[in-house]
Amino acid sequence: MLHLNWQEKSTVKTVKCVHTNAKKYMVNNMLTVGKTYDVKNETEEYFFVIDNAGKVSGFYKDYFQEV
């Protein structure tokens, strides 16, 4: 269960949130436009970042731009 220690894991890269215009979910509660986030893990479709609640969450890559 690798996801249990992602919060302590070293940062893979840093990304900047460029928009929170989600079709289905309320992303604007967990991300702030213009803020940079540390990526803890990455898949083809998602970045796993520490969100505004302080937890590791997965978001589509189209919300971010690499810094």
PDB file of N, CA and C in Angstrom:
ATOM      1  N   MET A   1       0.840  -1.174   0.000  1.00  0.00           N
ATOM      2  CA  MET A   1       0.000   0.000   0.000  1.00  0.00           C
ATOM      3  C   MET A   1       0.886   1.238   0.000  1.00  0.00           C
ATOM      4  N   LEU A   2       1.403   1.525  -1.160  1.00  0.00           N
ATOM      5  CA  LEU A   2       2.341   2.628  -1.320  1.00  0.00           C
ATOM      6  C   LEU A   2       1.727   3.991  -1.039  1.00  0.00           C
ATOM      7  N   HIS A   3       0.431   4.135  -1.265  1.00  0.00           N
ATOM      8  CA  HIS A   3      -0.205   5.440  -1.102  1.00  0.00           C
ATOM      9  C   HIS A   3      -0.231   5.918   0.350  1.00  0.00           C
ATOM     10  N   LEU A   4       0.014   5.057   1.297  1.00  0.00           N
ATOM     11  CA  LEU A   4      -0.031   5.446   2.701  1.00  0.00           C
ATOM     12  C   LEU A   4       1.153   6.315   3.113  1.00  0.00           C
ATOM     13  N   ASN A   5       2.272   6.230   2.400  1.00  0.00           N
ATOM     14  CA  ASN A   5       3.431   7.042   2.774  1.00  0.00           C
ATOM     15  C   ASN A   5       3.777   8.096   1.722  1.00  0.00           C
ATOM     16  N   TRP A   6       2.876   8.440   0.827  1.00  0.00           N
ATOM     17  CA  TRP A   6       3.127   9.454  -0.196  1.00  0.00           C
ATOM     18  C   TRP A   6       3.368  10.830   0.413  1.00  0.00           C
ATOM     19  N   GLN A   7       2.741  11.140   1.519  1.00  0.00           N
ATOM     20  CA  GLN A   7       2.887  12.462   2.119  1.00  0.00           C
ATOM     21  C   GLN A   7       4.330  12.711   2.572  1.00  0.00           C
ATOM     22  N   GLU A   8       5.009  11.674   3.039  1.00  0.00           N
ATOM     23  CA  GLU A   8       6.392  11.807   3.479  1.00  0.00           C
ATOM     24  C   GLU A   8       7.384  11.610   2.332  1.00  0.00           C
ATOM     25  N   LYS A   9       6.921  11.131   1.198  1.00  0.00           N
ATOM     26  CA  LYS A   9       7.776  10.840   0.046  1.00  0.00           C
ATOM     27  C   LYS A   9       8.367  12.136  -0.522  1.00  0.00           C
ATOM     28  N   SER A  10       9.528  12.021  -1.135  1.00  0.00           N
ATOM     29  CA  SER A  10      10.150  13.209  -1.729  1.00  0.00           C
ATOM     30  C   SER A  10       9.325  13.698  -2.925  1.00  0.00           C
ATOM     31  N   THR A  11       9.436  14.978  -3.202  1.00  0.00           N
ATOM     32  CA  THR A  11       8.678  15.608  -4.277  1.00  0.00           C
ATOM     33  C   THR A  11       9.271  15.235  -5.628  1.00  0.00           C
ATOM     34  N   VAL A  12       8.407  14.816  -6.565  1.00  0.00           N
ATOM     35  CA  VAL A  12       8.845  14.438  -7.907  1.00  0.00           C
ATOM     36  C   VAL A  12       9.103  15.681  -8.747  1.00  0.00           C
ATOM     37  N   LYS A  13       8.171  16.630  -8.706  1.00  0.00           N
ATOM     38  CA  LYS A  13       8.288  17.902  -9.429  1.00  0.00           C
ATOM     39  C   LYS A  13       7.287  18.880  -8.842  1.00  0.00           C
ATOM     40  N   THR A  14       7.311  20.098  -9.333  1.00  0.00           N
ATOM     41  CA  THR A  14       6.384  21.128  -8.886  1.00  0.00           C
ATOM     42  C   THR A  14       5.527  21.555 -10.061  1.00  0.00           C
ATOM     43  N   VAL A  15       4.221  21.714  -9.799  1.00  0.00           N
ATOM     44  CA  VAL A  15       3.296  22.150 -10.833  1.00  0.00           C
ATOM     45  C   VAL A  15       2.483  23.337 -10.331  1.00  0.00           C
ATOM     46  N   LYS A  16       1.974  24.127 -11.264  1.00  0.00           N
ATOM     47  CA  LYS A  16       1.166  25.302 -10.934  1.00  0.00           C
ATOM     48  C   LYS A  16      -0.257  25.064 -11.433  1.00  0.00           C
ATOM     49  N   CYS A  17      -1.238  25.356 -10.613  1.00  0.00           N
ATOM     50  CA  CYS A  17      -2.641  25.205 -10.995  1.00  0.00           C
ATOM     51  C   CYS A  17      -3.025  26.343 -11.934  1.00  0.00           C
ATOM     52  N   VAL A  18      -3.554  26.010 -13.119  1.00  0.00           N
ATOM     53  CA  VAL A  18      -3.903  27.030 -14.104  1.00  0.00           C
ATOM     54  C   VAL A  18      -5.414  27.263 -14.198  1.00  0.00           C
ATOM     55  N   HIS A  19      -6.218  26.291 -13.789  1.00  0.00           N
ATOM     56  CA  HIS A  19      -7.671  26.486 -13.764  1.00  0.00           C
ATOM     57  C   HIS A  19      -8.327  25.424 -12.887  1.00  0.00           C
ATOM     58  N   THR A  20      -9.551  25.681 -12.485  1.00  0.00           N
ATOM     59  CA  THR A  20     -10.328  24.718 -11.690  1.00  0.00           C
ATOM     60  C   THR A  20     -11.698  24.508 -12.312  1.00  0.00           C
ATOM     61  N   ASN A  21     -11.785  24.631 -13.620  1.00  0.00           N
ATOM     62  CA  ASN A  21     -13.053  24.483 -14.335  1.00  0.00           C
ATOM     63  C   ASN A  21     -13.349  23.010 -14.590  1.00  0.00           C
ATOM     64  N   ALA A  22     -13.904  22.357 -13.604  1.00  0.00           N
ATOM     65  CA  ALA A  22     -14.214  20.932 -13.713  1.00  0.00           C
ATOM     66  C   ALA A  22     -15.642  20.744 -14.207  1.00  0.00           C
ATOM     67  N   LYS A  23     -15.831  19.751 -15.047  1.00  0.00           N
ATOM     68  CA  LYS A  23     -17.169  19.452 -15.567  1.00  0.00           C
ATOM     69  C   LYS A  23     -18.008  18.702 -14.539  1.00  0.00           C
ATOM     70  N   LYS A  24     -17.357  17.837 -13.754  1.00  0.00           N
ATOM     71  CA  LYS A  24     -18.095  16.905 -12.923  1.00  0.00           C
ATOM     72  C   LYS A  24     -17.865  17.098 -11.421  1.00  0.00           C
ATOM     73  N   TYR A  25     -16.673  17.505 -11.041  1.00  0.00           N
ATOM     74  CA  TYR A  25     -16.317  17.565  -9.615  1.00  0.00           C
ATOM     75  C   TYR A  25     -16.081  18.999  -9.163  1.00  0.00           C
ATOM     76  N   MET A  26     -16.089  19.220  -7.855  1.00  0.00           N
ATOM     77  CA  MET A  26     -15.837  20.548  -7.293  1.00  0.00           C
ATOM     78  C   MET A  26     -14.354  20.663  -6.948  1.00  0.00           C
ATOM     79  N   VAL A  27     -13.556  20.956  -7.949  1.00  0.00           N
ATOM     80  CA  VAL A  27     -12.112  21.037  -7.776  1.00  0.00           C
ATOM     81  C   VAL A  27     -11.713  22.340  -7.096  1.00  0.00           C
ATOM     82  N   ASN A  28     -12.497  23.390  -7.263  1.00  0.00           N
ATOM     83  CA  ASN A  28     -12.137  24.697  -6.705  1.00  0.00           C
ATOM     84  C   ASN A  28     -12.085  24.705  -5.181  1.00  0.00           C
ATOM     85  N   ASN A  29     -12.642  23.706  -4.511  1.00  0.00           N
ATOM     86  CA  ASN A  29     -12.538  23.613  -3.055  1.00  0.00           C
ATOM     87  C   ASN A  29     -11.173  23.110  -2.603  1.00  0.00           C
ATOM     88  N   MET A  30     -10.486  22.371  -3.460  1.00  0.00           N
ATOM     89  CA  MET A  30      -9.228  21.739  -3.086  1.00  0.00           C
ATOM     90  C   MET A  30      -7.998  22.321  -3.771  1.00  0.00           C
ATOM     91  N   LEU A  31      -8.182  23.083  -4.851  1.00  0.00           N
ATOM     92  CA  LEU A  31      -7.068  23.702  -5.557  1.00  0.00           C
ATOM     93  C   LEU A  31      -7.304  25.199  -5.676  1.00  0.00           C
ATOM     94  N   THR A  32      -6.229  25.962  -5.725  1.00  0.00           N
ATOM     95  CA  THR A  32      -6.290  27.407  -5.892  1.00  0.00           C
ATOM     96  C   THR A  32      -5.534  27.774  -7.160  1.00  0.00           C
ATOM     97  N   VAL A  33      -6.188  28.525  -8.038  1.00  0.00           N
ATOM     98  CA  VAL A  33      -5.559  28.944  -9.288  1.00  0.00           C
ATOM     99  C   VAL A  33      -4.357  29.836  -8.975  1.00  0.00           C
ATOM    100  N   GLY A  34      -3.215  29.535  -9.615  1.00  0.00           N
ATOM    101  CA  GLY A  34      -2.008  30.313  -9.412  1.00  0.00           C
ATOM    102  C   GLY A  34      -1.080  29.766  -8.342  1.00  0.00           C
ATOM    103  N   LYS A  35      -1.554  28.863  -7.514  1.00  0.00           N
ATOM    104  CA  LYS A  35      -0.734  28.292  -6.447  1.00  0.00           C
ATOM    105  C   LYS A  35       0.083  27.123  -6.987  1.00  0.00           C
ATOM    106  N   THR A  36       1.290  26.936  -6.476  1.00  0.00           N
ATOM    107  CA  THR A  36       2.120  25.807  -6.876  1.00  0.00           C
ATOM    108  C   THR A  36       1.938  24.654  -5.891  1.00  0.00           C
ATOM    109  N   TYR A  37       1.993  23.441  -6.420  1.00  0.00           N
ATOM    110  CA  TYR A  37       1.794  22.227  -5.631  1.00  0.00           C
ATOM    111  C   TYR A  37       2.938  21.263  -5.894  1.00  0.00           C
ATOM    112  N   ASP A  38       3.323  20.523  -4.862  1.00  0.00           N
ATOM    113  CA  ASP A  38       4.360  19.503  -4.981  1.00  0.00           C
ATOM    114  C   ASP A  38       3.726  18.197  -5.428  1.00  0.00           C
ATOM    115  N   VAL A  39       4.265  17.610  -6.491  1.00  0.00           N
ATOM    116  CA  VAL A  39       3.763  16.339  -7.011  1.00  0.00           C
ATOM    117  C   VAL A  39       4.456  15.210  -6.262  1.00  0.00           C
ATOM    118  N   LYS A  40       3.662  14.345  -5.637  1.00  0.00           N
ATOM    119  CA  LYS A  40       4.194  13.217  -4.890  1.00  0.00           C
ATOM    120  C   LYS A  40       4.233  11.944  -5.725  1.00  0.00           C
ATOM    121  N   ASN A  41       3.326  11.838  -6.701  1.00  0.00           N
ATOM    122  CA  ASN A  41       3.295  10.695  -7.602  1.00  0.00           C
ATOM    123  C   ASN A  41       2.605  11.128  -8.879  1.00  0.00           C
ATOM    124  N   GLU A  42       2.859  10.406  -9.958  1.00  0.00           N
ATOM    125  CA  GLU A  42       2.311  10.785 -11.259  1.00  0.00           C
ATOM    126  C   GLU A  42       1.957   9.522 -12.033  1.00  0.00           C
ATOM    127  N   THR A  43       0.822   9.557 -12.727  1.00  0.00           N
ATOM    128  CA  THR A  43       0.455   8.501 -13.660  1.00  0.00           C
ATOM    129  C   THR A  43       0.258   9.144 -15.023  1.00  0.00           C
ATOM    130  N   GLU A  44      -0.192   8.366 -15.996  1.00  0.00           N
ATOM    131  CA  GLU A  44      -0.437   8.916 -17.330  1.00  0.00           C
ATOM    132  C   GLU A  44      -1.473  10.029 -17.316  1.00  0.00           C
ATOM    133  N   GLU A  45      -2.467   9.897 -16.456  1.00  0.00           N
ATOM    134  CA  GLU A  45      -3.617  10.796 -16.473  1.00  0.00           C
ATOM    135  C   GLU A  45      -3.689  11.758 -15.287  1.00  0.00           C
ATOM    136  N   TYR A  46      -3.035  11.413 -14.180  1.00  0.00           N
ATOM    137  CA  TYR A  46      -3.195  12.170 -12.941  1.00  0.00           C
ATOM    138  C   TYR A  46      -1.873  12.633 -12.345  1.00  0.00           C
ATOM    139  N   PHE A  47      -1.954  13.750 -11.605  1.00  0.00           N
ATOM    140  CA  PHE A  47      -0.915  14.172 -10.677  1.00  0.00           C
ATOM    141  C   PHE A  47      -1.481  13.951  -9.280  1.00  0.00           C
ATOM    142  N   PHE A  48      -0.693  13.397  -8.384  1.00  0.00           N
ATOM    143  CA  PHE A  48      -1.085  13.254  -6.991  1.00  0.00           C
ATOM    144  C   PHE A  48      -0.323  14.314  -6.211  1.00  0.00           C
ATOM    145  N   VAL A  49      -1.054  15.312  -5.723  1.00  0.00           N
ATOM    146  CA  VAL A  49      -0.460  16.471  -5.060  1.00  0.00           C
ATOM    147  C   VAL A  49      -1.036  16.613  -3.656  1.00  0.00           C
ATOM    148  N   ILE A  50      -0.365  17.401  -2.824  1.00  0.00           N
ATOM    149  CA  ILE A  50      -0.919  17.747  -1.517  1.00  0.00           C
ATOM    150  C   ILE A  50      -1.829  18.950  -1.746  1.00  0.00           C
ATOM    151  N   ASP A  51      -3.124  18.756  -1.572  1.00  0.00           N
ATOM    152  CA  ASP A  51      -4.113  19.795  -1.876  1.00  0.00           C
ATOM    153  C   ASP A  51      -4.256  20.791  -0.726  1.00  0.00           C
ATOM    154  N   ASN A  52      -5.241  21.686  -0.840  1.00  0.00           N
ATOM    155  CA  ASN A  52      -5.452  22.725   0.176  1.00  0.00           C
ATOM    156  C   ASN A  52      -5.861  22.165   1.534  1.00  0.00           C
ATOM    157  N   ALA A  53      -6.367  20.947   1.578  1.00  0.00           N
ATOM    158  CA  ALA A  53      -6.751  20.316   2.841  1.00  0.00           C
ATOM    159  C   ALA A  53      -5.558  19.649   3.517  1.00  0.00           C
ATOM    160  N   GLY A  54      -4.406  19.613   2.832  1.00  0.00           N
ATOM    161  CA  GLY A  54      -3.215  19.001   3.407  1.00  0.00           C
ATOM    162  C   GLY A  54      -3.121  17.510   3.178  1.00  0.00           C
ATOM    163  N   LYS A  55      -3.968  16.969   2.298  1.00  0.00           N
ATOM    164  CA  LYS A  55      -3.968  15.534   2.009  1.00  0.00           C
ATOM    165  C   LYS A  55      -3.506  15.304   0.575  1.00  0.00           C
ATOM    166  N   VAL A  56      -2.977  14.118   0.317  1.00  0.00           N
ATOM    167  CA  VAL A  56      -2.568  13.763  -1.038  1.00  0.00           C
ATOM    168  C   VAL A  56      -3.813  13.362  -1.818  1.00  0.00           C
ATOM    169  N   SER A  57      -4.053  14.044  -2.932  1.00  0.00           N
ATOM    170  CA  SER A  57      -5.223  13.780  -3.775  1.00  0.00           C
ATOM    171  C   SER A  57      -4.801  13.747  -5.231  1.00  0.00           C
ATOM    172  N   GLY A  58      -5.545  13.002  -6.027  1.00  0.00           N
ATOM    173  CA  GLY A  58      -5.260  12.886  -7.450  1.00  0.00           C
ATOM    174  C   GLY A  58      -6.146  13.813  -8.266  1.00  0.00           C
ATOM    175  N   PHE A  59      -5.530  14.537  -9.194  1.00  0.00           N
ATOM    176  CA  PHE A  59      -6.251  15.460 -10.076  1.00  0.00           C
ATOM    177  C   PHE A  59      -5.774  15.252 -11.509  1.00  0.00           C
ATOM    178  N   TYR A  60      -6.671  15.495 -12.466  1.00  0.00           N
ATOM    179  CA  TYR A  60      -6.286  15.410 -13.869  1.00  0.00           C
ATOM    180  C   TYR A  60      -5.140  16.366 -14.154  1.00  0.00           C
ATOM    181  N   LYS A  61      -4.281  15.983 -15.077  1.00  0.00           N
ATOM    182  CA  LYS A  61      -3.116  16.796 -15.411  1.00  0.00           C
ATOM    183  C   LYS A  61      -3.486  18.100 -16.099  1.00  0.00           C
ATOM    184  N   ASP A  62      -4.667  18.183 -16.694  1.00  0.00           N
ATOM    185  CA  ASP A  62      -5.029  19.405 -17.425  1.00  0.00           C
ATOM    186  C   ASP A  62      -5.311  20.584 -16.508  1.00  0.00           C
ATOM    187  N   TYR A  63      -5.373  20.389 -15.203  1.00  0.00           N
ATOM    188  CA  TYR A  63      -5.529  21.503 -14.266  1.00  0.00           C
ATOM    189  C   TYR A  63      -4.209  22.196 -13.976  1.00  0.00           C
ATOM    190  N   PHE A  64      -3.099  21.598 -14.413  1.00  0.00           N
ATOM    191  CA  PHE A  64      -1.780  22.069 -14.014  1.00  0.00           C
ATOM    192  C   PHE A  64      -0.880  22.387 -15.199  1.00  0.00           C
ATOM    193  N   GLN A  65       0.162  23.151 -14.879  1.00  0.00           N
ATOM    194  CA  GLN A  65       1.228  23.468 -15.817  1.00  0.00           C
ATOM    195  C   GLN A  65       2.528  23.245 -15.056  1.00  0.00           C
ATOM    196  N   GLU A  66       3.491  22.581 -15.689  1.00  0.00           N
ATOM    197  CA  GLU A  66       4.757  22.297 -15.010  1.00  0.00           C
ATOM    198  C   GLU A  66       5.559  23.585 -14.845  1.00  0.00           C
ATOM    199  N   VAL A  67       6.169  23.719 -13.682  1.00  0.00           N
ATOM    200  CA  VAL A  67       6.955  24.925 -13.373  1.00  0.00           C
ATOM    201  C   VAL A  67       8.408  24.664 -13.700  1.00  0.00           C
TER     202      VAL A  67
END
